[in-house]
C-alpha atoms as a PDB file:
ATOM      1  CA  MET A   1     -17.650 -29.085  48.726  1.00  0.00           C
ATOM      2  CA  THR A   2     -15.633 -26.717  46.552  1.00  0.00           C
ATOM      3  CA  GLN A   3     -16.398 -23.092  46.905  1.00  0.00           C
ATOM      4  CA  HIS A   4     -16.285 -21.145  43.521  1.00  0.00           C
ATOM      5  CA  VAL A   5     -15.059 -17.580  43.921  1.00  0.00           C
ATOM      6  CA  SER A   6     -16.092 -15.212  41.157  1.00  0.00           C
ATOM      7  CA  THR A   7     -13.447 -12.863  39.881  1.00  0.00           C
ATOM      8  CA  PRO A   8     -14.853  -9.292  39.634  1.00  0.00           C
ATOM      9  CA  ARG A   9     -15.092  -8.039  35.996  1.00  0.00           C
ATOM     10  CA  PRO A  10     -12.988  -5.021  35.358  1.00  0.00           C
ATOM     11  CA  GLY A  11     -14.695  -1.871  34.239  1.00  0.00           C
ATOM     12  CA  ARG A  12     -14.546  -0.935  30.665  1.00  0.00           C
ATOM     13  CA  GLY A  13     -12.391   2.172  31.313  1.00  0.00           C
ATOM     14  CA  ARG A  14     -10.833   3.941  28.386  1.00  0.00           C
ATOM     15  CA  ARG A  15      -9.046   1.905  25.673  1.00  0.00           C
ATOM     16  CA  PRO A  16      -5.391   2.631  25.089  1.00  0.00           C
ATOM     17  CA  ALA A  17      -4.797   5.147  22.332  1.00  0.00           C
ATOM     18  CA  ALA A  18      -2.876   2.644  20.183  1.00  0.00           C
ATOM     19  CA  GLU A  19      -5.730   0.112  20.393  1.00  0.00           C
ATOM     20  CA  VAL A  20      -8.255   2.812  19.392  1.00  0.00           C
ATOM     21  CA  ARG A  21      -6.009   3.928  16.488  1.00  0.00           C
ATOM     22  CA  ALA A  22      -5.678   0.373  15.264  1.00  0.00           C
ATOM     23  CA  SER A  23      -9.473  -0.221  15.301  1.00  0.00           C
ATOM     24  CA  VAL A  24     -10.095   3.018  13.535  1.00  0.00           C
ATOM     25  CA  LEU A  25      -7.588   2.136  10.753  1.00  0.00           C
ATOM     26  CA  ALA A  26      -9.058  -1.321  10.401  1.00  0.00           C
ATOM     27  CA  ALA A  27     -12.480  -0.012  10.102  1.00  0.00           C
ATOM     28  CA  ALA A  28     -11.464   2.677   7.631  1.00  0.00           C
ATOM     29  CA  GLY A  29      -9.575   0.014   5.596  1.00  0.00           C
ATOM     30  CA  ARG A  30     -12.650  -2.222   5.419  1.00  0.00           C
ATOM     31  CA  LEU A  31     -14.903   0.600   4.310  1.00  0.00           C
ATOM     32  CA  LEU A  32     -12.318   1.780   1.774  1.00  0.00           C
ATOM     33  CA  LEU A  33     -11.885  -1.580   0.036  1.00  0.00           C
ATOM     34  CA  GLU A  34     -15.639  -2.552   0.303  1.00  0.00           C
ATOM     35  CA  ASP A  35     -17.390   0.755  -0.593  1.00  0.00           C
ATOM     36  CA  GLY A  36     -14.714   3.088  -1.900  1.00  0.00           C
ATOM     37  CA  LEU A  37     -13.298   6.388  -0.693  1.00  0.00           C
ATOM     38  CA  PRO A  38     -16.657   8.261  -0.296  1.00  0.00           C
ATOM     39  CA  ALA A  39     -17.629   5.807   2.408  1.00  0.00           C
ATOM     40  CA  VAL A  40     -14.700   6.773   4.591  1.00  0.00           C
ATOM     41  CA  THR A  41     -16.281   9.577   6.638  1.00  0.00           C
ATOM     42  CA  PHE A  42     -15.355  10.432  10.169  1.00  0.00           C
ATOM     43  CA  GLU A  43     -18.917   9.641  11.296  1.00  0.00           C
ATOM     44  CA  ARG A  44     -19.195   6.293   9.611  1.00  0.00           C
ATOM     45  CA  VAL A  45     -15.664   5.203  10.677  1.00  0.00           C
ATOM     46  CA  ALA A  46     -16.135   6.239  14.268  1.00  0.00           C
ATOM     47  CA  LYS A  47     -19.366   4.211  14.471  1.00  0.00           C
ATOM     48  CA  GLU A  48     -17.691   1.179  12.878  1.00  0.00           C
ATOM     49  CA  ALA A  49     -14.647   1.505  15.225  1.00  0.00           C
ATOM     50  CA  GLY A  50     -16.584   2.233  18.334  1.00  0.00           C
ATOM     51  CA  SER A  51     -14.779   5.497  18.698  1.00  0.00           C
ATOM     52  CA  SER A  52     -15.653   9.234  18.619  1.00  0.00           C
ATOM     53  CA  LYS A  53     -15.538  11.758  15.847  1.00  0.00           C
ATOM     54  CA  VAL A  54     -13.633  14.031  18.200  1.00  0.00           C
ATOM     55  CA  THR A  55     -10.796  11.529  18.323  1.00  0.00           C
ATOM     56  CA  LEU A  56     -10.635  11.109  14.537  1.00  0.00           C
ATOM     57  CA  TYR A  57     -10.600  14.953  14.079  1.00  0.00           C
ATOM     58  CA  LYS A  58      -7.642  15.119  16.568  1.00  0.00           C
ATOM     59  CA  TRP A  59      -5.545  12.488  14.720  1.00  0.00           C
ATOM     60  CA  TRP A  60      -6.281  13.105  11.016  1.00  0.00           C
ATOM     61  CA  PRO A  61      -6.777  16.481   9.129  1.00  0.00           C
ATOM     62  CA  SER A  62      -9.361  14.965   6.783  1.00  0.00           C
ATOM     63  CA  PRO A  63     -11.220  11.817   6.031  1.00  0.00           C
ATOM     64  CA  GLY A  64      -9.033  11.497   2.910  1.00  0.00           C
ATOM     65  CA  ALA A  65      -5.829  11.427   4.977  1.00  0.00           C
ATOM     66  CA  LEU A  66      -7.345   8.717   7.244  1.00  0.00           C
ATOM     67  CA  ALA A  67      -8.350   6.674   4.203  1.00  0.00           C
ATOM     68  CA  ALA A  68      -4.779   7.054   2.880  1.00  0.00           C
ATOM     69  CA  GLU A  69      -3.146   5.793   6.142  1.00  0.00           C
ATOM     70  CA  ALA A  70      -5.802   2.967   6.337  1.00  0.00           C
ATOM     71  CA  TYR A  71      -4.697   1.919   2.837  1.00  0.00           C
ATOM     72  CA  PHE A  72      -1.013   1.986   3.766  1.00  0.00           C
ATOM     73  CA  THR A  73      -1.718  -0.080   6.859  1.00  0.00           C
ATOM     74  CA  ARG A  74      -3.857  -2.541   5.045  1.00  0.00           C
ATOM     75  CA  SER A  75      -1.374  -3.107   2.164  1.00  0.00           C
ATOM     76  CA  ALA A  76       1.977  -3.071   3.995  1.00  0.00           C
ATOM     77  CA  PRO A  77       1.908  -6.767   5.046  1.00  0.00           C
ATOM     78  CA  LEU A  78       0.950  -7.808   1.452  1.00  0.00           C
ATOM     79  CA  LEU A  79       3.680  -5.818  -0.297  1.00  0.00           C
ATOM     80  CA  GLN A  80       6.870  -6.774   1.540  1.00  0.00           C
ATOM     81  CA  PHE A  81       9.937  -6.788  -0.626  1.00  0.00           C
ATOM     82  CA  PRO A  82      11.783 -10.248  -0.523  1.00  0.00           C
ATOM     83  CA  ASP A  83      15.428 -10.716  -0.824  1.00  0.00           C
ATOM     84  CA  THR A  84      16.335 -14.248  -1.870  1.00  0.00           C
ATOM     85  CA  GLY A  85      19.489 -13.257  -3.643  1.00  0.00           C
ATOM     86  CA  ASP A  86      17.913 -13.427  -6.991  1.00  0.00           C
ATOM     87  CA  ILE A  87      16.843 -10.050  -8.248  1.00  0.00           C
ATOM     88  CA  ARG A  88      14.681 -11.383 -11.092  1.00  0.00           C
ATOM     89  CA  ALA A  89      12.740 -13.636  -8.725  1.00  0.00           C
ATOM     90  CA  ASP A  90      12.346 -10.948  -6.158  1.00  0.00           C
ATOM     91  CA  LEU A  91      11.078  -8.294  -8.568  1.00  0.00           C
ATOM     92  CA  THR A  92       8.674 -10.832 -10.033  1.00  0.00           C
ATOM     93  CA  SER A  93       7.434 -11.817  -6.631  1.00  0.00           C
ATOM     94  CA  GLN A  94       6.907  -8.259  -5.336  1.00  0.00           C
ATOM     95  CA  LEU A  95       5.348  -6.997  -8.495  1.00  0.00           C
ATOM     96  CA  THR A  96       3.049  -9.957  -8.673  1.00  0.00           C
ATOM     97  CA  ALA A  97       1.865  -9.290  -5.046  1.00  0.00           C
ATOM     98  CA  PHE A  98       1.240  -5.653  -6.068  1.00  0.00           C
ATOM     99  CA  VAL A  99      -0.759  -6.472  -9.173  1.00  0.00           C
ATOM    100  CA  ARG A 100      -2.713  -9.180  -7.325  1.00  0.00           C
ATOM    101  CA  TRP A 101      -3.477  -6.647  -4.624  1.00  0.00           C
ATOM    102  CA  LEU A 102      -4.858  -4.300  -7.236  1.00  0.00           C
ATOM    103  CA  VAL A 103      -6.780  -6.593  -9.629  1.00  0.00           C
ATOM    104  CA  ARG A 104      -7.759  -9.524  -7.355  1.00  0.00           C
ATOM    105  CA  ASP A 105      -8.064  -8.016  -3.822  1.00  0.00           C
ATOM    106  CA  GLY A 106     -10.052  -4.966  -4.840  1.00  0.00           C
ATOM    107  CA  ALA A 107      -7.529  -2.254  -4.290  1.00  0.00           C
ATOM    108  CA  ALA A 108      -7.592  -0.869  -7.889  1.00  0.00           C
ATOM    109  CA  LYS A 109     -10.648   1.375  -7.288  1.00  0.00           C
ATOM    110  CA  PRO A 110      -9.533   2.759  -3.880  1.00  0.00           C
ATOM    111  CA  VAL A 111      -6.111   3.465  -5.285  1.00  0.00           C
ATOM    112  CA  ALA A 112      -7.548   5.373  -8.197  1.00  0.00           C
ATOM    113  CA  GLU A 113      -9.852   7.373  -5.901  1.00  0.00           C
ATOM    114  CA  LEU A 114      -7.057   8.189  -3.425  1.00  0.00           C
ATOM    115  CA  LEU A 115      -4.711   9.428  -6.269  1.00  0.00           C
ATOM    116  CA  GLY A 116      -7.612  11.384  -7.726  1.00  0.00           C
ATOM    117  CA  ALA A 117      -8.202  13.011  -4.313  1.00  0.00           C
ATOM    118  CA  ALA A 118      -4.509  13.763  -3.909  1.00  0.00           C
ATOM    119  CA  GLN A 119      -4.791  16.164  -6.901  1.00  0.00           C
ATOM    120  CA  THR A 120      -7.051  18.453  -4.861  1.00  0.00           C
ATOM    121  CA  ASP A 121      -6.547  17.482  -1.206  1.00  0.00           C
ATOM    122  CA  PRO A 122      -3.159  18.570   0.022  1.00  0.00           C
ATOM    123  CA  ASP A 123      -3.438  16.264   3.123  1.00  0.00           C
ATOM    124  CA  VAL A 124      -4.006  13.255   0.910  1.00  0.00           C
ATOM    125  CA  ALA A 125      -1.183  14.264  -1.432  1.00  0.00           C
ATOM    126  CA  GLN A 126       1.252  14.659   1.467  1.00  0.00           C
ATOM    127  CA  ALA A 127       0.211  11.355   3.045  1.00  0.00           C
ATOM    128  CA  TRP A 128       0.530   9.428  -0.171  1.00  0.00           C
ATOM    129  CA  ALA A 129       3.912  10.866  -0.996  1.00  0.00           C
ATOM    130  CA  GLU A 130       5.558  10.789   2.412  1.00  0.00           C
ATOM    131  CA  GLN A 131       3.980   7.706   4.062  1.00  0.00           C
ATOM    132  CA  TYR A 132       3.595   5.398   1.029  1.00  0.00           C
ATOM    133  CA  ALA A 133       5.085   6.370  -2.347  1.00  0.00           C
ATOM    134  CA  ARG A 134       8.530   7.500  -1.287  1.00  0.00           C
ATOM    135  CA  PRO A 135       9.094   4.800   1.324  1.00  0.00           C
ATOM    136  CA  ARG A 136       8.001   2.040  -0.974  1.00  0.00           C
ATOM    137  CA  ARG A 137      10.252   3.409  -3.748  1.00  0.00           C
ATOM    138  CA  GLU A 138      13.060   3.398  -1.313  1.00  0.00           C
ATOM    139  CA  LEU A 139      12.474  -0.301  -0.552  1.00  0.00           C
ATOM    140  CA  ALA A 140      12.804  -1.095  -4.189  1.00  0.00           C
ATOM    141  CA  ARG A 141      15.887   1.061  -4.581  1.00  0.00           C
ATOM    142  CA  THR A 142      17.551  -0.671  -1.680  1.00  0.00           C
ATOM    143  CA  ARG A 143      16.870  -4.105  -3.149  1.00  0.00           C
ATOM    144  CA  LEU A 144      18.101  -2.943  -6.590  1.00  0.00           C
ATOM    145  CA  GLU A 145      21.180  -1.436  -5.078  1.00  0.00           C
ATOM    146  CA  ARG A 146      22.026  -4.627  -3.325  1.00  0.00           C
ATOM    147  CA  ALA A 147      21.607  -6.571  -6.586  1.00  0.00           C
ATOM    148  CA  ARG A 148      23.921  -4.047  -8.384  1.00  0.00           C
ATOM    149  CA  SER A 149      26.543  -4.446  -5.688  1.00  0.00           C
ATOM    150  CA  GLN A 150      26.331  -8.194  -6.323  1.00  0.00           C
ATOM    151  CA  GLY A 151      26.849  -7.865 -10.035  1.00  0.00           C
ATOM    152  CA  GLN A 152      23.303  -8.761 -10.980  1.00  0.00           C
ATOM    153  CA  LEU A 153      22.779  -5.298 -12.582  1.00  0.00           C
ATOM    154  CA  ARG A 154      25.060  -3.069 -14.589  1.00  0.00           C
ATOM    155  CA  ALA A 155      27.177  -0.628 -12.533  1.00  0.00           C
ATOM    156  CA  ASP A 156      25.641   2.267 -14.412  1.00  0.00           C
ATOM    157  CA  ALA A 157      22.060   0.999 -14.141  1.00  0.00           C
ATOM    158  CA  ASP A 158      19.666   3.848 -13.296  1.00  0.00           C
ATOM    159  CA  LEU A 159      17.683   2.373 -10.449  1.00  0.00           C
ATOM    160  CA  ASP A 160      15.080   5.069 -10.427  1.00  0.00           C
ATOM    161  CA  VAL A 161      14.274   4.442 -14.074  1.00  0.00           C
ATOM    162  CA  VAL A 162      13.947   0.670 -13.260  1.00  0.00           C
ATOM    163  CA  VAL A 163      11.462   1.434 -10.491  1.00  0.00           C
ATOM    164  CA  ASP A 164       9.503   3.802 -12.892  1.00  0.00           C
ATOM    165  CA  GLN A 165       9.451   1.147 -15.566  1.00  0.00           C
ATOM    166  CA  LEU A 166       8.065  -1.538 -13.337  1.00  0.00           C
ATOM    167  CA  TRP A 167       5.509   0.076 -10.908  1.00  0.00           C
ATOM    168  CA  GLY A 168       4.915   3.053 -13.176  1.00  0.00           C
ATOM    169  CA  ALA A 169       3.756   0.807 -15.943  1.00  0.00           C
ATOM    170  CA  CYS A 170       1.016  -0.604 -13.600  1.00  0.00           C
ATOM    171  CA  TYR A 171      -0.076   2.776 -12.454  1.00  0.00           C
ATOM    172  CA  HIS A 172      -0.163   3.933 -16.157  1.00  0.00           C
ATOM    173  CA  ARG A 173      -2.397   1.090 -17.266  1.00  0.00           C
ATOM    174  CA  LEU A 174      -4.628   1.581 -14.162  1.00  0.00           C
ATOM    175  CA  LEU A 175      -5.036   5.310 -14.172  1.00  0.00           C
ATOM    176  CA  VAL A 176      -4.267   6.667 -17.583  1.00  0.00           C
ATOM    177  CA  LEU A 177      -5.036   4.014 -20.166  1.00  0.00           C
ATOM    178  CA  ARG A 178      -7.678   2.257 -17.955  1.00  0.00           C
ATOM    179  CA  VAL A 179      -6.991  -1.107 -19.667  1.00  0.00           C
ATOM    180  CA  PRO A 180      -7.232  -4.448 -17.935  1.00  0.00           C
ATOM    181  CA  PHE A 181      -4.110  -6.228 -16.808  1.00  0.00           C
ATOM    182  CA  ASP A 182      -3.169  -9.051 -14.628  1.00  0.00           C
ATOM    183  CA  GLU A 183      -0.255 -11.075 -13.147  1.00  0.00           C
ATOM    184  CA  GLU A 184       0.715 -12.285 -16.685  1.00  0.00           C
ATOM    185  CA  LEU A 185       2.090  -8.843 -17.376  1.00  0.00           C
ATOM    186  CA  VAL A 186       4.692  -9.125 -14.601  1.00  0.00           C
ATOM    187  CA  PRO A 187       7.304 -11.406 -16.266  1.00  0.00           C
ATOM    188  CA  ARG A 188       7.321  -9.266 -19.368  1.00  0.00           C
ATOM    189  CA  LEU A 189       7.794  -6.039 -17.302  1.00  0.00           C
ATOM    190  CA  VAL A 190      10.562  -7.552 -15.384  1.00  0.00           C
ATOM    191  CA  GLU A 191      12.280  -8.895 -18.572  1.00  0.00           C
ATOM    192  CA  HIS A 192      12.253  -5.549 -20.248  1.00  0.00           C
ATOM    193  CA  ALA A 193      13.381  -3.687 -17.174  1.00  0.00           C
ATOM    194  CA  LEU A 194      16.362  -5.940 -16.692  1.00  0.00           C
ATOM    195  CA  HIS A 195      17.319  -6.534 -20.349  1.00  0.00           C
ATOM    196  CA  GLY A 196      15.552  -3.890 -22.480  1.00  0.00           C
ATOM    197  CA  ALA A 197      14.014  -4.221 -25.966  1.00  0.00           C
ATOM    198  CA  ALA A 198      17.159  -4.008 -28.118  1.00  0.00           C
ATOM    199  CA  SER A 199      18.214  -6.998 -30.193  1.00  0.00           C
ATOM    200  CA  PRO A 200      21.625  -8.483 -29.230  1.00  0.00           C
ATOM    201  CA  THR A 201      23.202  -6.769 -32.261  1.00  0.00           C
ATOM    202  CA  GLY A 202      21.215  -3.617 -32.015  1.00  0.00           C
END
């Protein structure tokens, strides 16, 4: 007769900080995309993540800063910058992923709310600039610099202006003009950024 020996269940104990932080960011990201920025409160996020408000106050200066980091964490895997050796294809791929994230995956409203909050909340403004906008801009510049070194762009091409033309156009339509746009815009943006609007004899 075989004797079954039960293994004692370990006590719950305290979760590692990294695990707690990940669950908090995941919960905040879900609330942000589903219900918008006002839903991201320390009380609600703590309840969703099985954490405590004290922990959240310790790690983030405001709910807005938490929402911003949750957005960065949620969007990062979706907005990787490819490098296939073809700058036109890579710009089109990355910008298409960005537009799809905004208009299909529901990020347009949270982005607008976060950028609105950044105008009055210094913590959100700092988080957006230092943890998202500047690093993502640098990813684009690095890819464009590589293309320029390979002769795919003019030696005197202003890479910052190219970035402004591409991603800035999306933010302008989303936040200023408030007009609908979708992935069909992307090839035209890339064409104009790479070749301009002048006629061959202009």
